[in-house]
Amino acid sequence: MLAFAAGIAGAVQVAVMGRFGEQVGAIEALAFSLLLSTLIPSVAVVAARRSVGGFADAFHAPKWLWLGAFMGAFIVLTITVAAPRVGVVAVTALLIAGQLGTAVLIDRFGIFGVERISLSWPRVVGIALLVAGAALTLRK
């Protein structure tokens, strides 16, 4: 249910960030969004943990784990720029198609240390249908 709710939040984010980027500029909207995205959980960490020690732990973690933060910034910038140009449905569909295609490779080859999961024909068909659906959303 949490993942489904995140999907809803993602579609709302695409729509809102596209409008925000048009109003204040894509880079400015990205910076403001990420600033709030930093402040909100930072306050939650201090309130819940009564410490910021986890931040220090993050600096000592392997640097490749920081890739998630860079990917998050890239995603927010991309949806901010793309949504006004191709629409919320197309951006969301392309985002999901790209995520699923990459997720299959990550699972199949155990990239980033995740458990390997074989590539079955239903997965291939499902991804092909999603990619086709994403392509169709680009038609107006």
Protein backbone atom coordinates (compact mmCIF):
# COMPACT_ATOMS: atom_id res chain seq x y z
CA MET A 1 0.00 0.00 0.00
CA LEU A 2 2.87 2.34 0.76
CA ALA A 3 4.34 1.78 -2.73
CA PHE A 4 0.93 2.43 -4.30
CA ALA A 5 0.61 5.64 -2.30
CA ALA A 6 4.09 6.64 -3.49
CA GLY A 7 2.88 6.08 -7.05
CA ILE A 8 0.03 8.48 -6.44
CA ALA A 9 2.45 10.97 -4.90
CA GLY A 10 4.73 10.58 -7.91
CA ALA A 11 2.00 11.51 -10.40
CA VAL A 12 1.07 14.52 -8.28
CA GLN A 13 4.74 15.47 -8.09
CA VAL A 14 5.08 15.35 -11.89
CA ALA A 15 2.11 17.69 -12.33
CA VAL A 16 3.08 20.10 -9.57
CA MET A 17 6.79 20.28 -10.36
CA GLY A 18 6.05 20.92 -14.02
CA ARG A 19 3.91 23.91 -13.11
CA PHE A 20 6.40 25.05 -10.44
CA GLY A 21 9.26 24.91 -12.97
CA GLU A 22 7.27 26.99 -15.44
CA GLN A 23 6.61 29.60 -12.79
CA VAL A 24 10.03 29.96 -11.14
CA GLY A 25 12.44 28.12 -13.48
CA ALA A 26 13.40 24.46 -13.56
CA ILE A 27 16.64 24.77 -11.58
CA GLU A 28 15.06 27.04 -8.99
CA ALA A 29 12.09 24.68 -8.57
CA LEU A 30 14.50 21.74 -8.23
CA ALA A 31 16.60 23.54 -5.61
CA PHE A 32 13.57 24.65 -3.58
CA SER A 33 12.00 21.20 -3.74
CA LEU A 34 15.20 19.48 -2.64
CA LEU A 35 15.69 22.04 0.14
CA LEU A 36 12.26 21.21 1.54
CA SER A 37 12.92 17.51 0.91
CA THR A 38 15.99 17.89 3.11
CA LEU A 39 14.43 19.98 5.87
CA ILE A 40 11.30 17.88 6.41
CA PRO A 41 13.00 14.52 7.07
CA SER A 42 15.84 16.27 8.95
CA VAL A 43 13.33 17.64 11.44
CA ALA A 44 11.73 14.17 11.63
CA VAL A 45 15.13 12.57 12.34
CA VAL A 46 15.89 15.00 15.15
CA ALA A 47 12.40 14.59 16.61
CA ALA A 48 12.40 10.78 16.40
CA ARG A 49 16.03 9.98 17.15
CA ARG A 50 17.01 12.99 19.28
CA SER A 51 20.30 12.87 17.37
CA VAL A 52 21.87 13.57 14.00
CA GLY A 53 24.35 10.69 14.33
CA GLY A 54 22.81 8.96 11.34
CA PHE A 55 24.03 11.81 9.14
CA ALA A 56 27.60 11.16 10.26
CA ASP A 57 27.09 7.46 9.52
CA ALA A 58 25.99 8.39 6.00
CA PHE A 59 29.25 10.24 5.38
CA HIS A 60 31.15 7.07 6.30
CA ALA A 61 29.02 4.76 4.15
CA PRO A 62 30.43 3.68 0.76
CA LYS A 63 30.21 6.68 -1.56
CA TRP A 64 28.46 4.71 -4.32
CA LEU A 65 25.41 4.55 -2.03
CA TRP A 66 25.06 8.29 -2.49
CA LEU A 67 23.99 7.56 -6.07
CA GLY A 68 20.39 7.47 -4.81
CA ALA A 69 20.55 11.16 -3.96
CA PHE A 70 21.93 12.08 -7.37
CA MET A 71 19.26 9.97 -9.06
CA GLY A 72 16.56 11.65 -6.98
CA ALA A 73 17.74 15.11 -8.02
CA PHE A 74 17.93 14.00 -11.66
CA ILE A 75 14.39 12.59 -11.51
CA VAL A 76 12.95 15.77 -10.00
CA LEU A 77 14.74 17.95 -12.55
CA THR A 78 13.57 15.74 -15.41
CA ILE A 79 9.91 15.73 -14.39
CA THR A 80 10.05 19.49 -13.85
CA VAL A 81 11.31 20.06 -17.39
CA ALA A 82 9.40 17.29 -19.21
CA ALA A 83 5.88 17.53 -17.74
CA PRO A 84 4.95 20.84 -19.37
CA ARG A 85 6.28 19.59 -22.71
CA VAL A 86 4.72 16.12 -23.01
CA GLY A 87 2.18 15.95 -20.18
CA VAL A 88 1.83 14.21 -16.85
CA VAL A 89 0.67 10.86 -18.25
CA ALA A 90 3.54 10.59 -20.74
CA VAL A 91 6.19 11.57 -18.18
CA THR A 92 4.78 9.16 -15.60
CA ALA A 93 4.52 6.33 -18.15
CA LEU A 94 8.06 6.88 -19.41
CA LEU A 95 9.37 7.09 -15.86
CA ILE A 96 7.69 3.80 -14.95
CA ALA A 97 8.85 2.10 -18.17
CA GLY A 98 12.43 3.22 -17.53
CA GLN A 99 12.24 2.12 -13.90
CA LEU A 100 10.89 -1.32 -14.77
CA GLY A 101 13.37 -1.94 -17.54
CA THR A 102 16.27 -0.99 -15.32
CA ALA A 103 14.82 -2.87 -12.35
CA VAL A 104 14.74 -6.07 -14.42
CA LEU A 105 18.45 -5.69 -15.16
CA ILE A 106 19.25 -4.93 -11.53
CA ASP A 107 17.29 -7.99 -10.36
CA ARG A 108 18.60 -10.27 -13.11
CA PHE A 109 22.28 -9.49 -12.55
CA GLY A 110 22.18 -8.69 -8.82
CA ILE A 111 23.50 -5.17 -9.39
CA PHE A 112 24.12 -3.09 -6.24
CA GLY A 113 24.19 -6.29 -4.19
CA VAL A 114 20.49 -7.11 -4.51
CA GLU A 115 19.33 -10.71 -4.65
CA ARG A 116 19.32 -12.13 -8.18
CA ILE A 117 15.88 -12.82 -9.61
CA SER A 118 15.63 -14.60 -12.94
CA LEU A 119 14.01 -13.02 -15.97
CA SER A 120 10.85 -14.96 -16.79
CA TRP A 121 8.69 -14.64 -19.88
CA PRO A 122 5.80 -12.99 -17.97
CA ARG A 123 8.20 -10.27 -16.81
CA VAL A 124 9.44 -9.71 -20.35
CA VAL A 125 5.87 -9.48 -21.71
CA GLY A 126 4.85 -7.13 -18.89
CA ILE A 127 7.76 -4.81 -19.52
CA ALA A 128 7.18 -4.85 -23.28
CA LEU A 129 3.54 -3.90 -22.71
CA LEU A 130 4.54 -1.10 -20.37
CA VAL A 131 7.08 0.27 -22.85
CA ALA A 132 4.45 0.09 -25.62
CA GLY A 133 1.98 1.85 -23.35
CA ALA A 134 4.51 4.55 -22.51
CA ALA A 135 5.17 5.10 -26.23
CA LEU A 136 1.45 5.36 -26.90
CA THR A 137 1.04 8.07 -24.24
CA LEU A 138 3.31 10.31 -26.30
CA ARG A 139 0.66 10.43 -29.03
CA LYS A 140 -1.83 13.25 -28.63
